[in-house]
Amino acid sequence: MTKSIFDRDCRACPRLAQFLDKVQDRYPDYYCRPVPPFGDAKARLLIVGLAPGMHGANRTGRPFTGDHAGILLYQMLHDYGFGSHVESLAADDPLTLTNCRITNAVKCLPPDNKPVGAEINTCNHFLAEELATLPSGSVIIALGGIAHRAILKALARRQAEFKFGHDALHDLGDFQLLDSYHCSRYNTNTRRLTTAMFSAIFARAKAILDT
C-alpha cells in the first residue's frame, strides 16, 4: 500500500491519538497504531468496516483479527474462495486473501468504538485514495451505515441518492456497492445478522465479480 492510502504514523485526529497513547500504556504489547488494509493489492472485492476493535485489530494490527467481529467474516471469505484459511489469528499467521482486501473507514481505534464525524472526515482521504486503486467492475461491501456513508463521501456521491440497507446494491458506475449489516457480536448475537444472511451477501458479491 502506498503512503497516500495508509500512514502508520498518522496522528491527525487528536482525540484518537491521545486515546491510543492511553491504551498503549495499559496494554504495552498491543499494536496501537493506525491499522493498515489487509489483502490483495489488485483485489476487485473491497470490504470496508468501521474502525479497529480494542482487542481485535488494535491488538493484532490486522483488520477484523483477534475479536468476535472477524470470526464470521473470515469464515465467509474462506467459504467463497477469497481466503486461504477459515480463521485470522494474528498479523503474522499464514492467511492470505485472493482478489479481496479489507480496510476500515477509520484506521484508528476510537473510544467506545464510536468515531465522531470530524474523525471520519479526516480519515476519508485514505479511503478515497484506496477506492481509486480499484479496477473497474469491482464490488465494495460496506459493513454498516458508517462505512456506507464514508464510501459515498470518498467517491463524492450524494448520500440521499444511495440509502443504506442490508443487501441493498447500488450502481456507482465503475463499482457496485453492496451493503451489509456489520458482523459485530451484537448483531450476530441478536440475530440481526445471521450466518445465512451474511453468506448471501458474499454469494451475491461473487456472482457479480464472476460476470
N, C-alpha and C. Protein backbone atom coordinates (compact mmCIF):
# COMPACT_ATOMS: atom_id res chain seq x y z
N MET A 1 0.84 -1.19 0.00
CA MET A 1 0.00 0.00 0.00
C MET A 1 0.88 1.26 0.00
N THR A 2 0.44 2.28 -0.69
CA THR A 2 1.22 3.50 -0.76
C THR A 2 0.93 4.39 0.43
N LYS A 3 1.78 5.38 0.59
CA LYS A 3 1.63 6.32 1.70
C LYS A 3 0.29 7.04 1.65
N SER A 4 -0.22 7.31 0.43
CA SER A 4 -1.47 8.06 0.32
C SER A 4 -2.66 7.22 0.75
N ILE A 5 -2.55 5.89 0.69
CA ILE A 5 -3.64 5.01 1.11
C ILE A 5 -3.60 4.74 2.60
N PHE A 6 -2.41 4.80 3.18
CA PHE A 6 -2.27 4.47 4.59
C PHE A 6 -1.01 5.12 5.15
N ASP A 7 -1.09 5.61 6.39
CA ASP A 7 0.05 6.21 7.07
C ASP A 7 0.11 5.65 8.49
N ARG A 8 1.06 4.78 8.72
CA ARG A 8 1.20 4.12 10.02
C ARG A 8 1.47 5.12 11.15
N ASP A 9 2.03 6.27 10.81
CA ASP A 9 2.38 7.27 11.82
C ASP A 9 1.39 8.42 11.91
N CYS A 10 0.23 8.29 11.26
CA CYS A 10 -0.75 9.37 11.26
C CYS A 10 -1.25 9.65 12.69
N ARG A 11 -1.29 10.93 13.05
CA ARG A 11 -1.85 11.38 14.33
C ARG A 11 -2.70 12.63 14.10
N ALA A 12 -3.42 12.62 12.97
CA ALA A 12 -4.17 13.79 12.55
C ALA A 12 -5.41 14.05 13.42
N CYS A 13 -5.89 13.04 14.13
CA CYS A 13 -7.06 13.20 14.98
C CYS A 13 -6.61 13.20 16.45
N PRO A 14 -6.57 14.35 17.10
CA PRO A 14 -6.01 14.44 18.46
C PRO A 14 -6.67 13.49 19.46
N ARG A 15 -7.99 13.38 19.41
CA ARG A 15 -8.68 12.52 20.37
C ARG A 15 -8.26 11.06 20.19
N LEU A 16 -8.18 10.62 18.94
CA LEU A 16 -7.81 9.23 18.68
C LEU A 16 -6.35 8.97 19.02
N ALA A 17 -5.48 9.93 18.70
CA ALA A 17 -4.06 9.77 19.01
C ALA A 17 -3.83 9.68 20.51
N GLN A 18 -4.50 10.53 21.26
CA GLN A 18 -4.36 10.51 22.72
C GLN A 18 -4.93 9.23 23.32
N PHE A 19 -6.03 8.76 22.75
CA PHE A 19 -6.64 7.53 23.24
C PHE A 19 -5.72 6.33 22.99
N LEU A 20 -5.12 6.30 21.81
CA LEU A 20 -4.18 5.21 21.51
C LEU A 20 -2.99 5.22 22.47
N ASP A 21 -2.52 6.41 22.83
CA ASP A 21 -1.42 6.50 23.79
C ASP A 21 -1.82 5.90 25.14
N LYS A 22 -3.04 6.19 25.57
CA LYS A 22 -3.51 5.65 26.84
C LYS A 22 -3.67 4.13 26.79
N VAL A 23 -4.20 3.64 25.66
CA VAL A 23 -4.37 2.20 25.51
C VAL A 23 -3.01 1.51 25.47
N GLN A 24 -2.04 2.13 24.81
CA GLN A 24 -0.68 1.56 24.75
C GLN A 24 -0.05 1.47 26.12
N ASP A 25 -0.29 2.46 26.96
CA ASP A 25 0.22 2.42 28.33
C ASP A 25 -0.38 1.26 29.11
N ARG A 26 -1.68 1.02 28.86
CA ARG A 26 -2.37 -0.05 29.57
C ARG A 26 -2.03 -1.43 29.01
N TYR A 27 -1.84 -1.47 27.68
CA TYR A 27 -1.55 -2.74 27.01
C TYR A 27 -0.28 -2.56 26.17
N PRO A 28 0.88 -2.61 26.77
CA PRO A 28 2.12 -2.31 26.05
C PRO A 28 2.43 -3.25 24.89
N ASP A 29 1.83 -4.43 24.87
CA ASP A 29 2.08 -5.38 23.79
C ASP A 29 1.13 -5.22 22.62
N TYR A 30 0.16 -4.31 22.73
CA TYR A 30 -0.80 -4.11 21.64
C TYR A 30 -0.18 -3.27 20.52
N TYR A 31 -0.72 -3.41 19.33
CA TYR A 31 -0.25 -2.68 18.14
C TYR A 31 -0.45 -1.18 18.31
N CYS A 32 -1.67 -0.74 18.61
CA CYS A 32 -1.98 0.66 18.99
C CYS A 32 -1.47 1.70 18.00
N ARG A 33 -1.76 1.50 16.74
CA ARG A 33 -1.45 2.47 15.69
C ARG A 33 -2.58 2.41 14.65
N PRO A 34 -2.55 3.31 13.68
CA PRO A 34 -3.48 3.13 12.56
C PRO A 34 -3.28 1.74 11.94
N VAL A 35 -4.38 1.06 11.68
CA VAL A 35 -4.31 -0.32 11.18
C VAL A 35 -4.35 -0.31 9.65
N PRO A 36 -3.39 -0.95 9.00
CA PRO A 36 -3.34 -0.93 7.54
C PRO A 36 -4.39 -1.83 6.91
N PRO A 37 -4.74 -1.58 5.66
CA PRO A 37 -5.57 -2.53 4.92
C PRO A 37 -4.85 -3.87 4.82
N PHE A 38 -5.62 -4.92 4.61
CA PHE A 38 -5.05 -6.26 4.52
C PHE A 38 -5.63 -6.99 3.32
N GLY A 39 -4.75 -7.59 2.52
CA GLY A 39 -5.22 -8.42 1.43
C GLY A 39 -4.50 -8.15 0.13
N ASP A 40 -5.18 -8.50 -0.95
CA ASP A 40 -4.64 -8.47 -2.31
C ASP A 40 -4.61 -7.03 -2.83
N ALA A 41 -3.43 -6.56 -3.21
CA ALA A 41 -3.29 -5.19 -3.70
C ALA A 41 -4.06 -4.95 -4.99
N LYS A 42 -4.35 -6.03 -5.74
CA LYS A 42 -5.07 -5.90 -7.01
C LYS A 42 -6.51 -6.42 -6.91
N ALA A 43 -7.03 -6.43 -5.69
CA ALA A 43 -8.35 -7.02 -5.44
C ALA A 43 -9.46 -6.30 -6.18
N ARG A 44 -10.49 -7.06 -6.55
CA ARG A 44 -11.72 -6.50 -7.12
C ARG A 44 -12.85 -6.53 -6.10
N LEU A 45 -12.60 -7.10 -4.93
CA LEU A 45 -13.56 -7.05 -3.83
C LEU A 45 -12.91 -6.30 -2.67
N LEU A 46 -13.52 -5.19 -2.29
CA LEU A 46 -13.03 -4.42 -1.15
C LEU A 46 -14.10 -4.42 -0.07
N ILE A 47 -13.72 -4.85 1.13
CA ILE A 47 -14.63 -4.85 2.27
C ILE A 47 -14.25 -3.69 3.17
N VAL A 48 -15.22 -2.85 3.48
CA VAL A 48 -14.96 -1.65 4.30
C VAL A 48 -15.72 -1.77 5.62
N GLY A 49 -14.96 -1.83 6.71
CA GLY A 49 -15.55 -1.85 8.04
C GLY A 49 -15.57 -0.47 8.65
N LEU A 50 -15.87 -0.42 9.94
CA LEU A 50 -15.97 0.86 10.64
C LEU A 50 -14.61 1.34 11.13
N ALA A 51 -14.04 0.60 12.10
CA ALA A 51 -12.79 1.00 12.73
C ALA A 51 -12.22 -0.21 13.46
N PRO A 52 -10.94 -0.18 13.83
CA PRO A 52 -10.37 -1.30 14.58
C PRO A 52 -11.06 -1.50 15.92
N GLY A 53 -11.16 -2.75 16.35
CA GLY A 53 -11.68 -3.08 17.67
C GLY A 53 -10.57 -3.06 18.71
N MET A 54 -10.93 -2.74 19.94
CA MET A 54 -9.95 -2.62 21.03
C MET A 54 -9.03 -3.83 21.14
N HIS A 55 -9.64 -5.02 21.25
CA HIS A 55 -8.86 -6.23 21.47
C HIS A 55 -8.74 -7.08 20.21
N GLY A 56 -9.13 -6.50 19.08
CA GLY A 56 -9.00 -7.17 17.80
C GLY A 56 -7.89 -6.54 16.99
N ALA A 57 -8.28 -5.76 15.97
CA ALA A 57 -7.28 -5.15 15.09
C ALA A 57 -6.33 -4.22 15.83
N ASN A 58 -6.82 -3.52 16.84
CA ASN A 58 -5.93 -2.64 17.60
C ASN A 58 -4.87 -3.42 18.35
N ARG A 59 -5.18 -4.66 18.68
CA ARG A 59 -4.19 -5.52 19.36
C ARG A 59 -3.26 -6.20 18.37
N THR A 60 -3.82 -6.68 17.26
CA THR A 60 -3.05 -7.52 16.35
C THR A 60 -2.43 -6.77 15.18
N GLY A 61 -3.03 -5.64 14.80
CA GLY A 61 -2.53 -4.90 13.65
C GLY A 61 -3.07 -5.37 12.31
N ARG A 62 -4.11 -6.21 12.33
CA ARG A 62 -4.76 -6.66 11.09
C ARG A 62 -6.27 -6.48 11.24
N PRO A 63 -6.95 -5.94 10.22
CA PRO A 63 -8.40 -5.73 10.33
C PRO A 63 -9.16 -7.01 10.67
N PHE A 64 -10.10 -6.87 11.61
CA PHE A 64 -11.02 -7.96 11.97
C PHE A 64 -10.27 -9.22 12.44
N THR A 65 -9.20 -9.02 13.14
CA THR A 65 -8.39 -10.16 13.59
C THR A 65 -8.21 -10.13 15.09
N GLY A 66 -8.65 -11.22 15.74
CA GLY A 66 -8.44 -11.34 17.17
C GLY A 66 -9.66 -11.04 18.01
N ASP A 67 -10.81 -10.74 17.38
CA ASP A 67 -12.02 -10.50 18.16
C ASP A 67 -13.21 -11.14 17.45
N HIS A 68 -14.37 -11.03 18.06
CA HIS A 68 -15.56 -11.73 17.57
C HIS A 68 -15.97 -11.29 16.17
N ALA A 69 -15.81 -10.02 15.87
CA ALA A 69 -16.31 -9.49 14.60
C ALA A 69 -15.68 -10.17 13.39
N GLY A 70 -14.46 -10.66 13.54
CA GLY A 70 -13.79 -11.28 12.40
C GLY A 70 -14.13 -12.74 12.18
N ILE A 71 -14.75 -13.39 13.15
CA ILE A 71 -14.99 -14.84 13.04
C ILE A 71 -15.84 -15.16 11.82
N LEU A 72 -16.99 -14.52 11.73
CA LEU A 72 -17.90 -14.78 10.62
C LEU A 72 -17.35 -14.25 9.30
N LEU A 73 -16.69 -13.09 9.35
CA LEU A 73 -16.15 -12.51 8.12
C LEU A 73 -15.13 -13.43 7.46
N TYR A 74 -14.15 -13.89 8.22
CA TYR A 74 -13.12 -14.73 7.61
C TYR A 74 -13.66 -16.11 7.24
N GLN A 75 -14.66 -16.57 7.93
CA GLN A 75 -15.33 -17.82 7.53
C GLN A 75 -15.94 -17.66 6.15
N MET A 76 -16.63 -16.53 5.92
CA MET A 76 -17.25 -16.28 4.63
C MET A 76 -16.20 -16.13 3.52
N LEU A 77 -15.14 -15.44 3.82
CA LEU A 77 -14.08 -15.26 2.81
C LEU A 77 -13.48 -16.61 2.41
N HIS A 78 -13.32 -17.49 3.38
CA HIS A 78 -12.82 -18.84 3.07
C HIS A 78 -13.85 -19.63 2.28
N ASP A 79 -15.10 -19.57 2.70
CA ASP A 79 -16.16 -20.34 2.04
C ASP A 79 -16.32 -19.96 0.57
N TYR A 80 -16.10 -18.70 0.25
CA TYR A 80 -16.31 -18.23 -1.12
C TYR A 80 -15.01 -18.07 -1.91
N GLY A 81 -13.93 -18.63 -1.41
CA GLY A 81 -12.69 -18.71 -2.17
C GLY A 81 -11.80 -17.49 -2.12
N PHE A 82 -12.09 -16.55 -1.22
CA PHE A 82 -11.25 -15.35 -1.11
C PHE A 82 -10.15 -15.50 -0.06
N GLY A 83 -10.32 -16.40 0.91
CA GLY A 83 -9.35 -16.56 1.99
C GLY A 83 -8.76 -17.96 2.01
N SER A 84 -7.48 -18.05 2.30
CA SER A 84 -6.79 -19.34 2.32
C SER A 84 -7.09 -20.16 3.57
N HIS A 85 -7.51 -19.50 4.64
CA HIS A 85 -7.81 -20.17 5.90
C HIS A 85 -9.14 -19.65 6.45
N VAL A 86 -9.78 -20.45 7.29
CA VAL A 86 -11.09 -20.10 7.81
C VAL A 86 -11.00 -19.10 8.95
N GLU A 87 -9.81 -18.93 9.53
CA GLU A 87 -9.63 -18.01 10.66
C GLU A 87 -8.47 -17.06 10.41
N SER A 88 -8.57 -15.87 10.97
CA SER A 88 -7.46 -14.93 11.02
C SER A 88 -7.07 -14.78 12.48
N LEU A 89 -5.89 -15.27 12.82
CA LEU A 89 -5.50 -15.34 14.21
C LEU A 89 -4.50 -14.27 14.62
N ALA A 90 -3.62 -13.88 13.72
CA ALA A 90 -2.58 -12.90 14.03
C ALA A 90 -2.06 -12.30 12.73
N ALA A 91 -1.43 -11.15 12.82
CA ALA A 91 -0.94 -10.47 11.63
C ALA A 91 0.14 -11.26 10.92
N ASP A 92 0.80 -12.16 11.62
CA ASP A 92 1.88 -12.95 11.01
C ASP A 92 1.50 -14.41 10.78
N ASP A 93 0.18 -14.72 10.80
CA ASP A 93 -0.22 -16.09 10.51
C ASP A 93 -0.18 -16.30 8.98
N PRO A 94 -0.37 -17.54 8.50
CA PRO A 94 -0.20 -17.80 7.06
C PRO A 94 -1.40 -17.43 6.20
N LEU A 95 -2.43 -16.84 6.75
CA LEU A 95 -3.61 -16.47 5.97
C LEU A 95 -3.26 -15.50 4.86
N THR A 96 -3.79 -15.78 3.67
CA THR A 96 -3.70 -14.84 2.55
C THR A 96 -5.08 -14.65 1.95
N LEU A 97 -5.31 -13.50 1.36
CA LEU A 97 -6.56 -13.21 0.66
C LEU A 97 -6.30 -13.11 -0.84
N THR A 98 -7.20 -13.64 -1.63
CA THR A 98 -7.10 -13.61 -3.09
C THR A 98 -8.26 -12.81 -3.66
N ASN A 99 -7.93 -11.79 -4.45
CA ASN A 99 -8.93 -10.91 -5.09
C ASN A 99 -9.82 -10.21 -4.07
N CYS A 100 -9.30 -10.01 -2.86
CA CYS A 100 -10.07 -9.37 -1.79
C CYS A 100 -9.13 -8.58 -0.90
N ARG A 101 -9.62 -7.45 -0.42
CA ARG A 101 -8.86 -6.64 0.55
C ARG A 101 -9.85 -6.10 1.58
N ILE A 102 -9.38 -5.96 2.80
CA ILE A 102 -10.20 -5.45 3.90
C ILE A 102 -9.59 -4.16 4.41
N THR A 103 -10.43 -3.16 4.62
CA THR A 103 -9.97 -1.88 5.15
C THR A 103 -11.03 -1.35 6.10
N ASN A 104 -10.77 -0.19 6.69
CA ASN A 104 -11.73 0.44 7.59
C ASN A 104 -11.94 1.90 7.20
N ALA A 105 -13.14 2.41 7.48
CA ALA A 105 -13.42 3.81 7.23
C ALA A 105 -12.56 4.71 8.10
N VAL A 106 -12.30 4.26 9.33
CA VAL A 106 -11.42 4.97 10.28
C VAL A 106 -10.32 4.00 10.66
N LYS A 107 -9.08 4.42 10.52
CA LYS A 107 -7.95 3.50 10.69
C LYS A 107 -7.52 3.30 12.14
N CYS A 108 -7.96 4.19 13.04
CA CYS A 108 -7.53 4.11 14.44
C CYS A 108 -8.69 3.70 15.35
N LEU A 109 -8.35 3.04 16.44
CA LEU A 109 -9.33 2.67 17.45
C LEU A 109 -9.98 3.92 18.05
N PRO A 110 -11.31 4.03 18.01
CA PRO A 110 -11.99 5.15 18.67
C PRO A 110 -12.51 4.73 20.05
N PRO A 111 -12.61 5.66 21.00
CA PRO A 111 -13.22 5.34 22.29
C PRO A 111 -14.63 4.80 22.11
N ASP A 112 -14.95 3.73 22.81
CA ASP A 112 -16.29 3.11 22.74
C ASP A 112 -16.67 2.68 21.33
N ASN A 113 -15.67 2.50 20.48
CA ASN A 113 -15.88 2.09 19.09
C ASN A 113 -16.78 3.07 18.33
N LYS A 114 -16.71 4.36 18.70
CA LYS A 114 -17.57 5.36 18.09
C LYS A 114 -16.75 6.57 17.65
N PRO A 115 -16.29 6.58 16.40
CA PRO A 115 -15.60 7.77 15.90
C PRO A 115 -16.60 8.91 15.72
N VAL A 116 -16.14 10.13 15.90
CA VAL A 116 -17.02 11.28 15.66
C VAL A 116 -16.90 11.69 14.19
N GLY A 117 -17.83 12.54 13.76
CA GLY A 117 -17.87 12.91 12.36
C GLY A 117 -16.58 13.51 11.84
N ALA A 118 -15.95 14.36 12.64
CA ALA A 118 -14.71 15.00 12.20
C ALA A 118 -13.61 13.97 11.96
N GLU A 119 -13.59 12.91 12.77
CA GLU A 119 -12.57 11.87 12.62
C GLU A 119 -12.82 11.04 11.36
N ILE A 120 -14.08 10.74 11.11
CA ILE A 120 -14.43 10.02 9.89
C ILE A 120 -14.04 10.86 8.67
N ASN A 121 -14.30 12.14 8.72
CA ASN A 121 -13.97 13.03 7.61
C ASN A 121 -12.46 13.17 7.42
N THR A 122 -11.72 13.28 8.53
CA THR A 122 -10.27 13.43 8.44
C THR A 122 -9.63 12.20 7.81
N CYS A 123 -10.16 11.04 8.13
CA CYS A 123 -9.59 9.78 7.63
C CYS A 123 -10.09 9.45 6.22
N ASN A 124 -11.06 10.18 5.73
CA ASN A 124 -11.73 9.80 4.49
C ASN A 124 -10.82 9.85 3.26
N HIS A 125 -9.78 10.71 3.31
CA HIS A 125 -8.93 10.80 2.12
C HIS A 125 -8.15 9.52 1.89
N PHE A 126 -7.85 8.78 2.96
CA PHE A 126 -7.19 7.48 2.79
C PHE A 126 -8.11 6.52 2.05
N LEU A 127 -9.38 6.51 2.43
CA LEU A 127 -10.35 5.64 1.77
C LEU A 127 -10.54 6.06 0.31
N ALA A 128 -10.58 7.35 0.06
CA ALA A 128 -10.74 7.84 -1.31
C ALA A 128 -9.59 7.38 -2.19
N GLU A 129 -8.37 7.47 -1.66
CA GLU A 129 -7.21 7.02 -2.43
C GLU A 129 -7.25 5.51 -2.66
N GLU A 130 -7.72 4.78 -1.67
CA GLU A 130 -7.80 3.33 -1.83
C GLU A 130 -8.86 2.94 -2.86
N LEU A 131 -10.00 3.60 -2.83
CA LEU A 131 -11.04 3.32 -3.82
C LEU A 131 -10.55 3.63 -5.23
N ALA A 132 -9.68 4.61 -5.36
CA ALA A 132 -9.16 4.98 -6.68
C ALA A 132 -8.26 3.89 -7.27
N THR A 133 -7.79 2.97 -6.45
CA THR A 133 -6.94 1.89 -6.94
C THR A 133 -7.75 0.70 -7.46
N LEU A 134 -9.06 0.68 -7.21
CA LEU A 134 -9.86 -0.48 -7.60
C LEU A 134 -10.07 -0.54 -9.11
N PRO A 135 -9.96 -1.72 -9.69
CA PRO A 135 -10.27 -1.86 -11.12
C PRO A 135 -11.75 -1.64 -11.40
N SER A 136 -12.06 -1.23 -12.59
CA SER A 136 -13.46 -1.10 -13.00
C SER A 136 -14.15 -2.45 -12.88
N GLY A 137 -15.39 -2.44 -12.41
CA GLY A 137 -16.13 -3.68 -12.22
C GLY A 137 -15.97 -4.28 -10.84
N SER A 138 -15.29 -3.57 -9.95
CA SER A 138 -15.09 -4.06 -8.59
C SER A 138 -16.37 -3.97 -7.78
N VAL A 139 -16.39 -4.74 -6.70
CA VAL A 139 -17.50 -4.72 -5.74
C VAL A 139 -16.97 -4.25 -4.40
N ILE A 140 -17.69 -3.33 -3.77
CA ILE A 140 -17.35 -2.84 -2.44
C ILE A 140 -18.45 -3.29 -1.50
N ILE A 141 -18.09 -4.00 -0.44
CA ILE A 141 -19.05 -4.37 0.59
C ILE A 141 -18.88 -3.42 1.76
N ALA A 142 -19.96 -2.71 2.09
CA ALA A 142 -19.94 -1.80 3.24
C ALA A 142 -20.54 -2.53 4.44
N LEU A 143 -19.75 -2.66 5.49
CA LEU A 143 -20.23 -3.30 6.71
C LEU A 143 -20.77 -2.22 7.65
N GLY A 144 -22.06 -1.93 7.50
CA GLY A 144 -22.70 -0.95 8.35
C GLY A 144 -22.87 0.40 7.70
N GLY A 145 -23.73 1.21 8.31
CA GLY A 145 -24.09 2.50 7.75
C GLY A 145 -22.97 3.51 7.71
N ILE A 146 -22.11 3.52 8.73
CA ILE A 146 -21.00 4.48 8.73
C ILE A 146 -20.04 4.19 7.59
N ALA A 147 -19.72 2.92 7.38
CA ALA A 147 -18.85 2.55 6.26
C ALA A 147 -19.51 2.93 4.93
N HIS A 148 -20.80 2.66 4.81
CA HIS A 148 -21.55 3.02 3.60
C HIS A 148 -21.44 4.52 3.30
N ARG A 149 -21.67 5.33 4.32
CA ARG A 149 -21.63 6.79 4.11
C ARG A 149 -20.20 7.27 3.84
N ALA A 150 -19.22 6.64 4.46
CA ALA A 150 -17.82 7.02 4.22
C ALA A 150 -17.41 6.72 2.77
N ILE A 151 -17.88 5.62 2.24
CA ILE A 151 -17.59 5.27 0.85
C ILE A 151 -18.20 6.30 -0.09
N LEU A 152 -19.45 6.65 0.14
CA LEU A 152 -20.10 7.64 -0.72
C LEU A 152 -19.39 8.99 -0.64
N LYS A 153 -18.98 9.38 0.56
CA LYS A 153 -18.26 10.64 0.71
C LYS A 153 -16.94 10.60 -0.06
N ALA A 154 -16.23 9.46 0.05
CA ALA A 154 -14.94 9.32 -0.62
C ALA A 154 -15.09 9.38 -2.14
N LEU A 155 -16.24 8.97 -2.63
CA LEU A 155 -16.50 8.99 -4.07
C LEU A 155 -17.26 10.24 -4.52
N ALA A 156 -17.48 11.16 -3.56
CA ALA A 156 -18.19 12.42 -3.84
C ALA A 156 -19.58 12.17 -4.41
N ARG A 157 -20.28 11.20 -3.82
CA ARG A 157 -21.65 10.88 -4.21
C ARG A 157 -22.63 11.44 -3.19
N ARG A 158 -23.83 11.75 -3.64
CA ARG A 158 -24.87 12.28 -2.77
C ARG A 158 -25.44 11.18 -1.89
N GLN A 159 -25.40 11.41 -0.57
CA GLN A 159 -25.87 10.40 0.37
C GLN A 159 -27.35 10.08 0.14
N ALA A 160 -28.15 11.09 -0.17
CA ALA A 160 -29.59 10.90 -0.29
C ALA A 160 -29.96 9.98 -1.45
N GLU A 161 -29.09 9.82 -2.41
CA GLU A 161 -29.39 9.01 -3.58
C GLU A 161 -29.10 7.53 -3.37
N PHE A 162 -28.39 7.19 -2.28
CA PHE A 162 -27.98 5.80 -2.05
C PHE A 162 -28.24 5.46 -0.59
N LYS A 163 -29.41 4.98 -0.29
CA LYS A 163 -29.80 4.67 1.08
C LYS A 163 -29.20 3.34 1.53
N PHE A 164 -28.68 3.32 2.76
CA PHE A 164 -28.15 2.09 3.31
C PHE A 164 -29.28 1.12 3.65
N GLY A 165 -29.06 -0.14 3.33
CA GLY A 165 -29.99 -1.20 3.72
C GLY A 165 -29.33 -2.54 3.52
N HIS A 166 -29.54 -3.46 4.41
CA HIS A 166 -28.89 -4.76 4.27
C HIS A 166 -29.28 -5.41 2.94
N ASP A 167 -28.27 -5.85 2.21
CA ASP A 167 -28.40 -6.48 0.89
C ASP A 167 -28.83 -5.51 -0.20
N ALA A 168 -28.76 -4.20 0.08
CA ALA A 168 -29.03 -3.21 -0.96
C ALA A 168 -27.81 -3.10 -1.87
N LEU A 169 -28.06 -3.06 -3.16
CA LEU A 169 -26.99 -2.96 -4.16
C LEU A 169 -27.12 -1.62 -4.88
N HIS A 170 -26.02 -0.89 -4.95
CA HIS A 170 -26.01 0.45 -5.54
C HIS A 170 -25.02 0.48 -6.70
N ASP A 171 -25.47 0.94 -7.84
CA ASP A 171 -24.61 1.07 -9.02
C ASP A 171 -23.91 2.42 -8.97
N LEU A 172 -22.59 2.38 -8.79
CA LEU A 172 -21.81 3.61 -8.71
C LEU A 172 -20.97 3.82 -9.97
N GLY A 173 -21.41 3.22 -11.06
CA GLY A 173 -20.68 3.38 -12.31
C GLY A 173 -19.58 2.34 -12.44
N ASP A 174 -18.37 2.71 -12.07
CA ASP A 174 -17.25 1.77 -12.15
C ASP A 174 -17.34 0.67 -11.10
N PHE A 175 -18.09 0.92 -10.01
CA PHE A 175 -18.18 -0.03 -8.91
C PHE A 175 -19.63 -0.36 -8.58
N GLN A 176 -19.80 -1.50 -7.93
CA GLN A 176 -21.06 -1.85 -7.30
C GLN A 176 -20.85 -1.81 -5.79
N LEU A 177 -21.72 -1.08 -5.10
CA LEU A 177 -21.66 -1.00 -3.63
C LEU A 177 -22.75 -1.89 -3.06
N LEU A 178 -22.34 -2.86 -2.25
CA LEU A 178 -23.27 -3.82 -1.65
C LEU A 178 -23.24 -3.64 -0.13
N ASP A 179 -24.39 -3.35 0.44
CA ASP A 179 -24.49 -3.08 1.87
C ASP A 179 -24.77 -4.34 2.68
N SER A 180 -24.20 -4.38 3.87
CA SER A 180 -24.49 -5.45 4.82
C SER A 180 -24.49 -4.89 6.23
N TYR A 181 -25.32 -5.48 7.08
CA TYR A 181 -25.16 -5.18 8.49
C TYR A 181 -23.76 -5.60 8.92
N HIS A 182 -23.20 -4.90 9.89
CA HIS A 182 -21.87 -5.21 10.40
C HIS A 182 -21.90 -6.56 11.13
N CYS A 183 -20.80 -7.30 11.00
CA CYS A 183 -20.70 -8.62 11.63
C CYS A 183 -20.22 -8.50 13.08
N SER A 184 -20.78 -7.58 13.81
CA SER A 184 -20.40 -7.37 15.21
C SER A 184 -21.02 -8.43 16.10
N ARG A 185 -20.48 -8.55 17.30
CA ARG A 185 -21.04 -9.51 18.26
C ARG A 185 -22.51 -9.19 18.53
N TYR A 186 -22.82 -7.90 18.70
CA TYR A 186 -24.20 -7.52 18.99
C TYR A 186 -25.13 -7.97 17.87
N ASN A 187 -24.76 -7.70 16.63
CA ASN A 187 -25.64 -8.04 15.50
C ASN A 187 -25.81 -9.54 15.33
N THR A 188 -24.73 -10.30 15.55
CA THR A 188 -24.85 -11.75 15.38
C THR A 188 -25.56 -12.39 16.58
N ASN A 189 -25.31 -11.87 17.79
CA ASN A 189 -25.98 -12.44 18.97
C ASN A 189 -27.48 -12.18 18.96
N THR A 190 -27.87 -11.00 18.47
CA THR A 190 -29.29 -10.66 18.41
C THR A 190 -29.96 -11.20 17.15
N ARG A 191 -29.15 -11.80 16.27
CA ARG A 191 -29.60 -12.37 15.00
C ARG A 191 -30.15 -11.30 14.05
N ARG A 192 -29.75 -10.08 14.28
CA ARG A 192 -30.00 -9.07 13.25
C ARG A 192 -29.25 -9.46 11.98
N LEU A 193 -28.08 -10.07 12.19
CA LEU A 193 -27.31 -10.63 11.07
C LEU A 193 -27.06 -12.11 11.37
N THR A 194 -27.60 -12.98 10.54
CA THR A 194 -27.39 -14.41 10.69
C THR A 194 -26.31 -14.88 9.72
N THR A 195 -25.83 -16.09 9.95
CA THR A 195 -24.83 -16.66 9.04
C THR A 195 -25.39 -16.75 7.63
N ALA A 196 -26.65 -17.16 7.50
CA ALA A 196 -27.27 -17.27 6.18
C ALA A 196 -27.36 -15.91 5.49
N MET A 197 -27.71 -14.88 6.25
CA MET A 197 -27.81 -13.54 5.67
C MET A 197 -26.45 -13.05 5.18
N PHE A 198 -25.41 -13.30 5.98
CA PHE A 198 -24.07 -12.83 5.61
C PHE A 198 -23.54 -13.64 4.42
N SER A 199 -23.83 -14.93 4.43
CA SER A 199 -23.42 -15.78 3.31
C SER A 199 -24.04 -15.31 2.01
N ALA A 200 -25.29 -14.88 2.07
CA ALA A 200 -25.97 -14.40 0.86
C ALA A 200 -25.30 -13.15 0.29
N ILE A 201 -24.76 -12.32 1.17
CA ILE A 201 -24.03 -11.13 0.71
C ILE A 201 -22.82 -11.54 -0.12
N PHE A 202 -22.06 -12.49 0.37
CA PHE A 202 -20.84 -12.90 -0.33
C PHE A 202 -21.15 -13.71 -1.58
N ALA A 203 -22.25 -14.46 -1.54
CA ALA A 203 -22.67 -15.15 -2.76
C ALA A 203 -23.03 -14.13 -3.85
N ARG A 204 -23.70 -13.07 -3.46
CA ARG A 204 -24.09 -12.04 -4.42
C ARG A 204 -22.86 -11.31 -4.97
N ALA A 205 -21.93 -10.98 -4.06
CA ALA A 205 -20.71 -10.29 -4.49
C ALA A 205 -19.91 -11.16 -5.46
N LYS A 206 -19.77 -12.42 -5.15
CA LYS A 206 -19.02 -13.34 -6.02
C LYS A 206 -19.69 -13.48 -7.38
N ALA A 207 -21.02 -13.55 -7.38
CA ALA A 207 -21.74 -13.68 -8.65
C ALA A 207 -21.51 -12.45 -9.53
N ILE A 208 -21.50 -11.27 -8.92
CA ILE A 208 -21.23 -10.04 -9.70
C ILE A 208 -19.83 -10.08 -10.27
N LEU A 209 -18.86 -10.45 -9.45
CA LEU A 209 -17.47 -10.49 -9.91
C LEU A 209 -17.27 -11.54 -11.00
N ASP A 210 -17.98 -12.65 -10.89
CA ASP A 210 -17.83 -13.72 -11.87
C ASP A 210 -18.42 -13.37 -13.22
N THR A 211 -19.33 -12.38 -13.25
CA THR A 211 -19.93 -12.00 -14.51
C THR A 211 -19.26 -10.77 -15.11
